[in-house]
PDB file of all heavy atoms in Angstrom:
ATOM      1  N   THR A   1     195.073  35.414  -2.234  1.00  0.00           N
ATOM      2  CA  THR A   1     195.065  34.600  -1.131  1.00  0.00           C
ATOM      3  C   THR A   1     196.312  35.066  -0.205  1.00  0.00           C
ATOM      4  O   THR A   1     196.140  35.086   1.035  1.00  0.00           O
ATOM      5  CB  THR A   1     195.213  33.068  -1.562  1.00  0.00           C
ATOM      6  OG1 THR A   1     194.253  32.796  -2.500  1.00  0.00           O
ATOM      7  CG2 THR A   1     195.178  32.165  -0.334  1.00  0.00           C
ATOM      8  N   GLY A   2     197.340  35.420  -0.829  1.00  0.00           N
ATOM      9  CA  GLY A   2     198.564  35.842  -0.084  1.00  0.00           C
ATOM     10  C   GLY A   2     198.247  37.178   0.676  1.00  0.00           C
ATOM     11  O   GLY A   2     198.559  37.329   1.798  1.00  0.00           O
ATOM     12  N   VAL A   3     197.532  38.025  -0.080  1.00  0.00           N
ATOM     13  CA  VAL A   3     197.088  39.329   0.573  1.00  0.00           C
ATOM     14  C   VAL A   3     196.202  39.089   1.749  1.00  0.00           C
ATOM     15  O   VAL A   3     196.424  39.707   2.821  1.00  0.00           O
ATOM     16  CB  VAL A   3     196.502  40.242  -0.502  1.00  0.00           C
ATOM     17  CG1 VAL A   3     195.795  41.553   0.158  1.00  0.00           C
ATOM     18  CG2 VAL A   3     197.420  40.668  -1.501  1.00  0.00           C
ATOM     19  N   THR A   4     195.295  38.154   1.643  1.00  0.00           N
ATOM     20  CA  THR A   4     194.357  37.829   2.772  1.00  0.00           C
ATOM     21  C   THR A   4     195.196  37.301   3.992  1.00  0.00           C
ATOM     22  O   THR A   4     194.902  37.580   5.151  1.00  0.00           O
ATOM     23  CB  THR A   4     193.468  36.689   2.251  1.00  0.00           C
ATOM     24  OG1 THR A   4     192.691  37.115   1.186  1.00  0.00           O
ATOM     25  CG2 THR A   4     192.501  36.190   3.473  1.00  0.00           C
ATOM     26  N   VAL A   5     196.345  36.526   3.732  1.00  0.00           N
ATOM     27  CA  VAL A   5     197.120  36.038   4.830  1.00  0.00           C
ATOM     28  C   VAL A   5     197.795  37.289   5.521  1.00  0.00           C
ATOM     29  O   VAL A   5     197.818  37.423   6.812  1.00  0.00           O
ATOM     30  CB  VAL A   5     198.191  35.037   4.342  1.00  0.00           C
ATOM     31  CG1 VAL A   5     199.201  34.847   5.488  1.00  0.00           C
ATOM     32  CG2 VAL A   5     197.523  33.814   3.863  1.00  0.00           C
ATOM     33  N   LEU A   6     198.202  38.288   4.649  1.00  0.00           N
ATOM     34  CA  LEU A   6     198.769  39.466   5.313  1.00  0.00           C
ATOM     35  C   LEU A   6     197.803  40.284   6.038  1.00  0.00           C
ATOM     36  O   LEU A   6     198.106  40.834   7.194  1.00  0.00           O
ATOM     37  CB  LEU A   6     199.560  40.268   4.141  1.00  0.00           C
ATOM     38  CG  LEU A   6     200.552  39.628   3.436  1.00  0.00           C
ATOM     39  CD1 LEU A   6     201.035  40.431   2.127  1.00  0.00           C
ATOM     40  CD2 LEU A   6     201.793  39.239   4.296  1.00  0.00           C
ATOM     41  N   VAL A   7     196.550  40.379   5.557  1.00  0.00           N
ATOM     42  CA  VAL A   7     195.541  41.193   6.328  1.00  0.00           C
ATOM     43  C   VAL A   7     195.198  40.437   7.546  1.00  0.00           C
ATOM     44  O   VAL A   7     195.034  41.106   8.587  1.00  0.00           O
ATOM     45  CB  VAL A   7     194.295  41.296   5.301  1.00  0.00           C
ATOM     46  CG1 VAL A   7     193.068  41.801   6.160  1.00  0.00           C
ATOM     47  CG2 VAL A   7     194.589  42.293   4.227  1.00  0.00           C
ATOM     48  N   THR A   8     195.130  39.109   7.503  1.00  0.00           N
ATOM     49  CA  THR A   8     194.874  38.331   8.766  1.00  0.00           C
ATOM     50  C   THR A   8     195.936  38.547   9.810  1.00  0.00           C
ATOM     51  O   THR A   8     195.634  38.715  10.948  1.00  0.00           O
ATOM     52  CB  THR A   8     194.745  36.876   8.451  1.00  0.00           C
ATOM     53  OG1 THR A   8     193.614  36.715   7.578  1.00  0.00           O
ATOM     54  CG2 THR A   8     194.376  36.096   9.703  1.00  0.00           C
ATOM     55  N   ALA A   9     197.195  38.619   9.393  1.00  0.00           N
ATOM     56  CA  ALA A   9     198.412  38.933  10.288  1.00  0.00           C
ATOM     57  C   ALA A   9     198.173  40.233  10.896  1.00  0.00           C
ATOM     58  O   ALA A   9     198.499  40.531  12.139  1.00  0.00           O
ATOM     59  CB  ALA A   9     199.659  38.827   9.588  1.00  0.00           C
ATOM     60  N   TYR A  10     197.836  41.254  10.123  1.00  0.00           N
ATOM     61  CA  TYR A  10     197.524  42.618  10.604  1.00  0.00           C
ATOM     62  C   TYR A  10     196.521  42.576  11.719  1.00  0.00           C
ATOM     63  O   TYR A  10     196.634  43.294  12.718  1.00  0.00           O
ATOM     64  CB  TYR A  10     197.148  43.554   9.454  1.00  0.00           C
ATOM     65  CG  TYR A  10     196.605  44.826   9.960  1.00  0.00           C
ATOM     66  CD1 TYR A  10     197.559  45.832  10.376  1.00  0.00           C
ATOM     67  CD2 TYR A  10     195.287  45.074  10.109  1.00  0.00           C
ATOM     68  CE1 TYR A  10     196.964  46.999  10.990  1.00  0.00           C
ATOM     69  CE2 TYR A  10     194.749  46.222  10.686  1.00  0.00           C
ATOM     70  CZ  TYR A  10     195.573  47.218  11.059  1.00  0.00           C
ATOM     71  OH  TYR A  10     195.178  48.375  11.542  1.00  0.00           O
ATOM     72  N   GLN A  11     195.414  41.830  11.417  1.00  0.00           N
ATOM     73  CA  GLN A  11     194.218  41.864  12.298  1.00  0.00           C
ATOM     74  C   GLN A  11     194.778  41.182  13.699  1.00  0.00           C
ATOM     75  O   GLN A  11     194.364  41.663  14.828  1.00  0.00           O
ATOM     76  CB  GLN A  11     193.174  41.096  11.759  1.00  0.00           C
ATOM     77  CG  GLN A  11     192.484  41.706  10.661  1.00  0.00           C
ATOM     78  CD  GLN A  11     191.370  40.925   9.914  1.00  0.00           C
ATOM     79  OE1 GLN A  11     191.530  39.604   9.863  1.00  0.00           O
ATOM     80  NE2 GLN A  11     190.453  41.567   9.299  1.00  0.00           N
ATOM     81  N   LYS A  12     195.487  40.145  13.696  1.00  0.00           N
ATOM     82  CA  LYS A  12     195.988  39.488  14.811  1.00  0.00           C
ATOM     83  C   LYS A  12     196.995  40.429  15.604  1.00  0.00           C
ATOM     84  O   LYS A  12     196.912  40.467  16.885  1.00  0.00           O
ATOM     85  CB  LYS A  12     196.678  38.279  14.578  1.00  0.00           C
ATOM     86  CG  LYS A  12     195.840  37.094  14.071  1.00  0.00           C
ATOM     87  CD  LYS A  12     196.588  35.886  13.818  1.00  0.00           C
ATOM     88  CE  LYS A  12     195.633  34.704  13.320  1.00  0.00           C
ATOM     89  NZ  LYS A  12     196.383  33.491  13.069  1.00  0.00           N
ATOM     90  N   ALA A  13     197.749  41.081  14.872  1.00  0.00           N
ATOM     91  CA  ALA A  13     198.826  41.985  15.493  1.00  0.00           C
ATOM     92  C   ALA A  13     198.101  43.215  16.136  1.00  0.00           C
ATOM     93  O   ALA A  13     198.401  43.578  17.278  1.00  0.00           O
ATOM     94  CB  ALA A  13     199.785  42.454  14.470  1.00  0.00           C
ATOM     95  N   HIS A  14     197.140  43.741  15.356  1.00  0.00           N
ATOM     96  CA  HIS A  14     196.316  44.905  15.923  1.00  0.00           C
ATOM     97  C   HIS A  14     195.606  44.518  17.229  1.00  0.00           C
ATOM     98  O   HIS A  14     195.649  45.283  18.147  1.00  0.00           O
ATOM     99  CB  HIS A  14     195.445  45.367  14.805  1.00  0.00           C
ATOM    100  CG  HIS A  14     194.692  46.587  15.098  1.00  0.00           C
ATOM    101  ND1 HIS A  14     195.271  47.873  15.256  1.00  0.00           N
ATOM    102  CD2 HIS A  14     193.333  46.798  15.544  1.00  0.00           C
ATOM    103  CE1 HIS A  14     194.308  48.849  15.673  1.00  0.00           C
ATOM    104  NE2 HIS A  14     193.191  48.086  15.760  1.00  0.00           N
ATOM    105  N   ALA A  15     194.934  43.338  17.201  1.00  0.00           N
ATOM    106  CA  ALA A  15     194.209  42.858  18.300  1.00  0.00           C
ATOM    107  C   ALA A  15     195.168  42.719  19.599  1.00  0.00           C
ATOM    108  O   ALA A  15     194.691  43.037  20.672  1.00  0.00           O
ATOM    109  CB  ALA A  15     193.413  41.641  17.989  1.00  0.00           C
ATOM    110  N   ALA A  16     196.348  42.326  19.279  1.00  0.00           N
ATOM    111  CA  ALA A  16     197.246  42.112  20.412  1.00  0.00           C
ATOM    112  C   ALA A  16     198.059  43.330  20.734  1.00  0.00           C
ATOM    113  O   ALA A  16     198.901  43.288  21.678  1.00  0.00           O
ATOM    114  CB  ALA A  16     198.223  40.958  19.947  1.00  0.00           C
ATOM    115  N   ARG A  17     197.817  44.476  20.135  1.00  0.00           N
ATOM    116  CA  ARG A  17     198.670  45.685  20.274  1.00  0.00           C
ATOM    117  C   ARG A  17     200.102  45.530  20.023  1.00  0.00           C
ATOM    118  O   ARG A  17     200.957  46.064  20.655  1.00  0.00           O
ATOM    119  CB  ARG A  17     198.350  46.291  21.634  1.00  0.00           C
ATOM    120  CG  ARG A  17     196.976  46.797  21.867  1.00  0.00           C
ATOM    121  CD  ARG A  17     196.600  47.336  23.132  1.00  0.00           C
ATOM    122  NE  ARG A  17     196.607  46.175  24.227  1.00  0.00           N
ATOM    123  CZ  ARG A  17     197.371  46.156  25.320  1.00  0.00           C
ATOM    124  NH1 ARG A  17     198.196  47.219  25.542  1.00  0.00           N
ATOM    125  NH2 ARG A  17     197.346  45.130  26.072  1.00  0.00           N
ATOM    126  N   CYS A  18     200.291  44.727  18.886  1.00  0.00           N
ATOM    127  CA  CYS A  18     201.727  44.442  18.408  1.00  0.00           C
ATOM    128  C   CYS A  18     201.935  45.224  17.124  1.00  0.00           C
ATOM    129  O   CYS A  18     200.954  45.406  16.415  1.00  0.00           O
ATOM    130  CB  CYS A  18     201.779  42.981  18.142  1.00  0.00           C
ATOM    131  SG  CYS A  18     203.277  42.444  17.384  1.00  0.00           S
ATOM    132  N   VAL A  19     203.051  45.796  16.906  1.00  0.00           N
ATOM    133  CA  VAL A  19     203.531  46.455  15.838  1.00  0.00           C
ATOM    134  C   VAL A  19     203.773  45.647  14.720  1.00  0.00           C
ATOM    135  O   VAL A  19     204.669  44.721  14.882  1.00  0.00           O
ATOM    136  CB  VAL A  19     204.628  47.537  16.122  1.00  0.00           C
ATOM    137  CG1 VAL A  19     205.082  48.241  14.818  1.00  0.00           C
ATOM    138  CG2 VAL A  19     204.309  48.446  17.129  1.00  0.00           C
ATOM    139  N   LEU A  20     203.138  45.705  13.582  1.00  0.00           N
ATOM    140  CA  LEU A  20     203.525  44.909  12.351  1.00  0.00           C
ATOM    141  C   LEU A  20     203.748  45.735  11.233  1.00  0.00           C
ATOM    142  O   LEU A  20     202.995  46.751  10.997  1.00  0.00           O
ATOM    143  CB  LEU A  20     202.284  44.075  11.931  1.00  0.00           C
ATOM    144  CG  LEU A  20     202.421  43.188  10.641  1.00  0.00           C
ATOM    145  CD1 LEU A  20     203.550  42.153  10.876  1.00  0.00           C
ATOM    146  CD2 LEU A  20     201.024  42.657  10.203  1.00  0.00           C
ATOM    147  N   ALA A  21     204.925  45.588  10.591  1.00  0.00           N
ATOM    148  CA  ALA A  21     205.347  46.311   9.407  1.00  0.00           C
ATOM    149  C   ALA A  21     205.701  45.433   8.334  1.00  0.00           C
ATOM    150  O   ALA A  21     206.202  44.285   8.480  1.00  0.00           O
ATOM    151  CB  ALA A  21     206.571  47.254   9.749  1.00  0.00           C
ATOM    152  N   LEU A  22     205.369  45.856   7.060  1.00  0.00           N
ATOM    153  CA  LEU A  22     205.844  45.192   5.783  1.00  0.00           C
ATOM    154  C   LEU A  22     206.880  45.876   5.113  1.00  0.00           C
ATOM    155  O   LEU A  22     206.645  47.164   4.909  1.00  0.00           O
ATOM    156  CB  LEU A  22     204.522  45.055   4.897  1.00  0.00           C
ATOM    157  CG  LEU A  22     203.218  44.438   5.491  1.00  0.00           C
ATOM    158  CD1 LEU A  22     202.212  44.341   4.310  1.00  0.00           C
ATOM    159  CD2 LEU A  22     203.586  43.053   6.031  1.00  0.00           C
ATOM    160  N   ALA A  23     207.973  45.268   4.952  1.00  0.00           N
ATOM    161  CA  ALA A  23     209.175  45.820   4.302  1.00  0.00           C
ATOM    162  C   ALA A  23     209.410  45.306   2.940  1.00  0.00           C
ATOM    163  O   ALA A  23     209.279  44.160   2.771  1.00  0.00           O
ATOM    164  CB  ALA A  23     210.333  45.706   5.312  1.00  0.00           C
ATOM    165  N   GLY A  24     209.887  46.215   2.054  1.00  0.00           N
ATOM    166  CA  GLY A  24     210.451  45.863   0.783  1.00  0.00           C
ATOM    167  C   GLY A  24     209.427  45.354  -0.241  1.00  0.00           C
ATOM    168  O   GLY A  24     209.679  44.608  -1.124  1.00  0.00           O
ATOM    169  N   LEU A  25     208.233  45.901  -0.179  1.00  0.00           N
ATOM    170  CA  LEU A  25     207.288  45.534  -1.215  1.00  0.00           C
ATOM    171  C   LEU A  25     207.809  46.023  -2.554  1.00  0.00           C
ATOM    172  O   LEU A  25     208.241  47.059  -2.667  1.00  0.00           O
ATOM    173  CB  LEU A  25     205.913  46.230  -1.024  1.00  0.00           C
ATOM    174  CG  LEU A  25     204.957  45.475  -0.097  1.00  0.00           C
ATOM    175  CD1 LEU A  25     205.398  45.498   1.303  1.00  0.00           C
ATOM    176  CD2 LEU A  25     203.566  46.118  -0.183  1.00  0.00           C
ATOM    177  N   ASN A  26     207.625  45.122  -3.531  1.00  0.00           N
ATOM    178  CA  ASN A  26     208.117  45.406  -4.939  1.00  0.00           C
ATOM    179  C   ASN A  26     207.004  46.379  -5.538  1.00  0.00           C
ATOM    180  O   ASN A  26     205.938  46.641  -4.807  1.00  0.00           O
ATOM    181  CB  ASN A  26     208.214  44.186  -5.795  1.00  0.00           C
ATOM    182  CG  ASN A  26     206.954  43.302  -6.014  1.00  0.00           C
ATOM    183  OD1 ASN A  26     205.834  43.895  -6.093  1.00  0.00           O
ATOM    184  ND2 ASN A  26     207.138  42.032  -6.074  1.00  0.00           N
ATOM    185  N   ASP A  27     207.326  46.955  -6.701  1.00  0.00           N
ATOM    186  CA  ASP A  27     206.334  47.916  -7.253  1.00  0.00           C
ATOM    187  C   ASP A  27     205.026  47.329  -7.552  1.00  0.00           C
ATOM    188  O   ASP A  27     204.057  48.008  -7.233  1.00  0.00           O
ATOM    189  CB  ASP A  27     206.933  48.517  -8.573  1.00  0.00           C
ATOM    190  CG  ASP A  27     208.220  49.315  -8.306  1.00  0.00           C
ATOM    191  OD1 ASP A  27     208.482  49.784  -7.179  1.00  0.00           O
ATOM    192  OD2 ASP A  27     208.991  49.597  -9.239  1.00  0.00           O
ATOM    193  N   ASP A  28     204.894  46.082  -8.041  1.00  0.00           N
ATOM    194  CA  ASP A  28     203.554  45.540  -8.424  1.00  0.00           C
ATOM    195  C   ASP A  28     202.729  45.415  -7.090  1.00  0.00           C
ATOM    196  O   ASP A  28     201.616  45.811  -7.142  1.00  0.00           O
ATOM    197  CB  ASP A  28     203.760  44.168  -8.992  1.00  0.00           C
ATOM    198  CG  ASP A  28     204.373  44.317 -10.420  1.00  0.00           C
ATOM    199  OD1 ASP A  28     204.311  45.383 -11.100  1.00  0.00           O
ATOM    200  OD2 ASP A  28     204.954  43.339 -10.897  1.00  0.00           O
ATOM    201  N   LEU A  29     203.444  44.926  -6.117  1.00  0.00           N
ATOM    202  CA  LEU A  29     202.586  44.718  -4.803  1.00  0.00           C
ATOM    203  C   LEU A  29     202.273  46.050  -4.219  1.00  0.00           C
ATOM    204  O   LEU A  29     201.167  46.192  -3.648  1.00  0.00           O
ATOM    205  CB  LEU A  29     203.396  43.799  -3.913  1.00  0.00           C
ATOM    206  CG  LEU A  29     202.533  43.234  -2.672  1.00  0.00           C
ATOM    207  CD1 LEU A  29     201.296  42.588  -3.095  1.00  0.00           C
ATOM    208  CD2 LEU A  29     203.396  42.303  -1.809  1.00  0.00           C
ATOM    209  N   SER A  30     203.170  47.002  -4.251  1.00  0.00           N
ATOM    210  CA  SER A  30     202.739  48.290  -3.735  1.00  0.00           C
ATOM    211  C   SER A  30     201.580  48.847  -4.477  1.00  0.00           C
ATOM    212  O   SER A  30     200.778  49.560  -3.863  1.00  0.00           O
ATOM    213  CB  SER A  30     204.098  49.300  -3.918  1.00  0.00           C
ATOM    214  OG  SER A  30     205.055  48.895  -3.106  1.00  0.00           O
ATOM    215  N   ARG A  31     201.565  48.693  -5.814  1.00  0.00           N
ATOM    216  CA  ARG A  31     200.451  49.264  -6.569  1.00  0.00           C
ATOM    217  C   ARG A  31     199.114  48.571  -6.281  1.00  0.00           C
ATOM    218  O   ARG A  31     198.105  49.183  -6.019  1.00  0.00           O
ATOM    219  CB  ARG A  31     200.790  49.074  -8.017  1.00  0.00           C
ATOM    220  CG  ARG A  31     199.751  49.715  -9.035  1.00  0.00           C
ATOM    221  CD  ARG A  31     200.037  49.774 -10.530  1.00  0.00           C
ATOM    222  NE  ARG A  31     200.312  48.393 -10.998  1.00  0.00           N
ATOM    223  CZ  ARG A  31     201.569  47.882 -11.381  1.00  0.00           C
ATOM    224  NH1 ARG A  31     202.551  48.724 -11.225  1.00  0.00           N
ATOM    225  NH2 ARG A  31     201.654  46.731 -11.892  1.00  0.00           N
ATOM    226  N   VAL A  32     199.167  47.199  -6.032  1.00  0.00           N
ATOM    227  CA  VAL A  32     198.002  46.537  -5.562  1.00  0.00           C
ATOM    228  C   VAL A  32     197.499  47.032  -4.200  1.00  0.00           C
ATOM    229  O   VAL A  32     196.309  47.288  -4.000  1.00  0.00           O
ATOM    230  CB  VAL A  32     198.215  44.901  -5.562  1.00  0.00           C
ATOM    231  CG1 VAL A  32     197.077  44.275  -4.844  1.00  0.00           C
ATOM    232  CG2 VAL A  32     198.464  44.414  -6.937  1.00  0.00           C
ATOM    233  N   PHE A  33     198.401  47.190  -3.268  1.00  0.00           N
ATOM    234  CA  PHE A  33     198.076  47.709  -1.941  1.00  0.00           C
ATOM    235  C   PHE A  33     197.395  48.994  -2.052  1.00  0.00           C
ATOM    236  O   PHE A  33     196.581  49.428  -1.394  1.00  0.00           O
ATOM    237  CB  PHE A  33     199.293  47.737  -1.033  1.00  0.00           C
ATOM    238  CG  PHE A  33     199.532  46.478  -0.275  1.00  0.00           C
ATOM    239  CD1 PHE A  33     199.448  45.204  -0.967  1.00  0.00           C
ATOM    240  CD2 PHE A  33     199.737  46.367   1.125  1.00  0.00           C
ATOM    241  CE1 PHE A  33     199.723  43.956  -0.277  1.00  0.00           C
ATOM    242  CE2 PHE A  33     199.832  45.219   1.754  1.00  0.00           C
ATOM    243  CZ  PHE A  33     199.849  44.150   1.085  1.00  0.00           C
ATOM    244  N   GLY A  34     198.000  49.946  -3.046  1.00  0.00           N
ATOM    245  CA  GLY A  34     197.384  51.317  -3.160  1.00  0.00           C
ATOM    246  C   GLY A  34     196.042  51.208  -3.684  1.00  0.00           C
ATOM    247  O   GLY A  34     195.052  51.887  -3.256  1.00  0.00           O
ATOM    248  N   ILE A  35     195.811  50.365  -4.683  1.00  0.00           N
ATOM    249  CA  ILE A  35     194.416  50.222  -5.318  1.00  0.00           C
ATOM    250  C   ILE A  35     193.476  49.742  -4.309  1.00  0.00           C
ATOM    251  O   ILE A  35     192.289  50.170  -4.345  1.00  0.00           O
ATOM    252  CB  ILE A  35     194.602  49.295  -6.511  1.00  0.00           C
ATOM    253  CG1 ILE A  35     195.352  49.872  -7.662  1.00  0.00           C
ATOM    254  CG2 ILE A  35     193.197  48.856  -6.939  1.00  0.00           C
ATOM    255  CD1 ILE A  35     195.730  48.990  -8.748  1.00  0.00           C
ATOM    256  N   MET A  36     193.913  48.874  -3.476  1.00  0.00           N
ATOM    257  CA  MET A  36     192.946  48.199  -2.478  1.00  0.00           C
ATOM    258  C   MET A  36     192.851  49.053  -1.181  1.00  0.00           C
ATOM    259  O   MET A  36     192.038  48.715  -0.310  1.00  0.00           O
ATOM    260  CB  MET A  36     193.491  46.826  -2.080  1.00  0.00           C
ATOM    261  CG  MET A  36     193.435  45.777  -3.132  1.00  0.00           C
ATOM    262  SD  MET A  36     194.306  44.230  -2.693  1.00  0.00           S
ATOM    263  CE  MET A  36     192.904  43.525  -1.818  1.00  0.00           C
ATOM    264  N   GLY A  37     193.605  50.109  -1.154  1.00  0.00           N
ATOM    265  CA  GLY A  37     193.588  50.932   0.053  1.00  0.00           C
ATOM    266  C   GLY A  37     194.352  50.299   1.250  1.00  0.00           C
ATOM    267  O   GLY A  37     194.385  50.950   2.375  1.00  0.00           O
ATOM    268  N   LEU A  38     195.091  49.277   1.029  1.00  0.00           N
ATOM    269  CA  LEU A  38     195.821  48.688   2.108  1.00  0.00           C
ATOM    270  C   LEU A  38     197.054  49.464   2.546  1.00  0.00           C
ATOM    271  O   LEU A  38     197.606  49.254   3.586  1.00  0.00           O
ATOM    272  CB  LEU A  38     196.165  47.204   1.786  1.00  0.00           C
ATOM    273  CG  LEU A  38     195.079  46.305   1.699  1.00  0.00           C
ATOM    274  CD1 LEU A  38     195.425  44.858   1.125  1.00  0.00           C
ATOM    275  CD2 LEU A  38     194.271  46.146   2.981  1.00  0.00           C
ATOM    276  N   ASP A  39     197.454  50.331   1.636  1.00  0.00           N
ATOM    277  CA  ASP A  39     198.579  51.215   1.936  1.00  0.00           C
ATOM    278  C   ASP A  39     198.223  52.194   3.076  1.00  0.00           C
ATOM    279  O   ASP A  39     199.061  52.812   3.744  1.00  0.00           O
ATOM    280  CB  ASP A  39     199.069  52.054   0.756  1.00  0.00           C
ATOM    281  CG  ASP A  39     198.088  52.835   0.141  1.00  0.00           C
ATOM    282  OD1 ASP A  39     196.856  52.509   0.227  1.00  0.00           O
ATOM    283  OD2 ASP A  39     198.443  53.853  -0.613  1.00  0.00           O
ATOM    284  N   GLN A  40     196.863  52.319   3.366  1.00  0.00           N
ATOM    285  CA  GLN A  40     196.362  53.093   4.376  1.00  0.00           C
ATOM    286  C   GLN A  40     196.281  52.364   5.689  1.00  0.00           C
ATOM    287  O   GLN A  40     196.006  52.945   6.808  1.00  0.00           O
ATOM    288  CB  GLN A  40     195.058  53.807   4.062  1.00  0.00           C
ATOM    289  CG  GLN A  40     195.156  54.580   2.756  1.00  0.00           C
ATOM    290  CD  GLN A  40     196.156  55.788   2.979  1.00  0.00           C
ATOM    291  OE1 GLN A  40     196.078  56.548   3.907  1.00  0.00           O
ATOM    292  NE2 GLN A  40     197.039  55.873   2.085  1.00  0.00           N
ATOM    293  N   VAL A  41     196.353  51.059   5.650  1.00  0.00           N
ATOM    294  CA  VAL A  41     196.089  50.164   6.899  1.00  0.00           C
ATOM    295  C   VAL A  41     197.396  49.752   7.416  1.00  0.00           C
ATOM    296  O   VAL A  41     197.711  49.848   8.586  1.00  0.00           O
ATOM    297  CB  VAL A  41     195.245  48.977   6.380  1.00  0.00           C
ATOM    298  CG1 VAL A  41     195.094  47.923   7.535  1.00  0.00           C
ATOM    299  CG2 VAL A  41     193.870  49.354   5.928  1.00  0.00           C
ATOM    300  N   PHE A  42     198.267  49.183   6.499  1.00  0.00           N
ATOM    301  CA  PHE A  42     199.549  48.578   6.892  1.00  0.00           C
ATOM    302  C   PHE A  42     200.730  49.732   7.053  1.00  0.00           C
ATOM    303  O   PHE A  42     200.619  50.793   6.420  1.00  0.00           O
ATOM    304  CB  PHE A  42     200.207  47.631   5.879  1.00  0.00           C
ATOM    305  CG  PHE A  42     199.415  46.299   5.785  1.00  0.00           C
ATOM    306  CD1 PHE A  42     198.375  46.109   4.943  1.00  0.00           C
ATOM    307  CD2 PHE A  42     199.815  45.301   6.676  1.00  0.00           C
ATOM    308  CE1 PHE A  42     197.798  44.752   4.911  1.00  0.00           C
ATOM    309  CE2 PHE A  42     199.287  44.077   6.631  1.00  0.00           C
ATOM    310  CZ  PHE A  42     198.174  43.864   5.827  1.00  0.00           C
ATOM    311  N   THR A  43     201.584  49.448   7.856  1.00  0.00           N
ATOM    312  CA  THR A  43     202.820  50.182   7.942  1.00  0.00           C
ATOM    313  C   THR A  43     203.747  49.601   6.894  1.00  0.00           C
ATOM    314  O   THR A  43     204.199  48.456   7.063  1.00  0.00           O
ATOM    315  CB  THR A  43     203.520  50.171   9.280  1.00  0.00           C
ATOM    316  OG1 THR A  43     202.514  50.636  10.305  1.00  0.00           O
ATOM    317  CG2 THR A  43     204.726  50.940   9.407  1.00  0.00           C
ATOM    318  N   LEU A  44     203.966  50.368   5.844  1.00  0.00           N
ATOM    319  CA  LEU A  44     204.848  49.981   4.722  1.00  0.00           C
ATOM    320  C   LEU A  44     206.065  50.787   4.707  1.00  0.00           C
ATOM    321  O   LEU A  44     206.087  51.906   4.782  1.00  0.00           O
ATOM    322  CB  LEU A  44     204.136  50.175   3.415  1.00  0.00           C
ATOM    323  CG  LEU A  44     202.688  49.487   3.125  1.00  0.00           C
ATOM    324  CD1 LEU A  44     202.113  49.895   1.877  1.00  0.00           C
ATOM    325  CD2 LEU A  44     202.896  47.994   3.313  1.00  0.00           C
TER     326      LEU A  44
END
């Protein structure tokens, strides 16, 4: 559910041509983002 909120934020920022970055992801969340391919979508 938290990941979904972050993806929705990305979609809003992208639609508005706003830069969105995620900083300081811990190892577990970084691994999840990698598995889901979100590391290719977000600026981490």
